[in-house]
Amino acid sequence: MKPDVLGTLIRHFVLLSLVAIGGANAVVPEMHRVAVELEHWMTDRQFAELFALANAAPGPNVLMVSLIGFQAAGFMGAVAATVAMCAPSCVLTYFAVRRWERSRNERVKRIVQRGLAPVTIGLVAASAYLLTRAAIHDWLGAVLTAGTFALMAMTKYNPLWIFGLATALGLVGIS
């Protein structure tokens, strides 16, 4: 491990923590850029696999941050990345909510809420696009991904059944 890896992890995740409107999944593209393209802590495929593992495991979606930290610098990297991602946003949220609840300006509250919703949706959509690109390695994977999305968008089946079917197809080699 390079001596400055912990500092690099902390610096990146403190900044990401402050712009993670909508949670850790909203900043997945930036996590990818840092971990894969900038710092080379993992490959594109490893990033997609860690994301899948983090989301398949029970618990908060911030687990992805711990896995990136672990990949970069072992146990201490996992701890540093997790604390750097959680602590600033917790403090910011605490003070923002206190201020929000004291504010009597309903017009400003509506404007802020209407503005944050599209930002959050855009960030999550960018995350979905990036992960789709990272996870598709051949045309069968592309067909499986497109089929899964189409079933989700056009049917009323529970998404867990659709994901289960896609997972089963992936396990038999279609991906």
Foldseek 3Di string as FASTA:
>chain_A
DDPCLLVVLLVVQLVCLVVQQQDPLLCLVVVCCVLPVNPNLDHLLVLLVLQVVLVVDDDDSCQSQLVSLCSNPNNSRSVSNSCSNPVNNVVVVVVVVVVVVPDPPVVVVVVVVVVSVVSSVVSNVVSVVSSLVSNDDDVLSVVLVVVLVCCVVPHPDDNVVSVVVSVVCVVVPRD
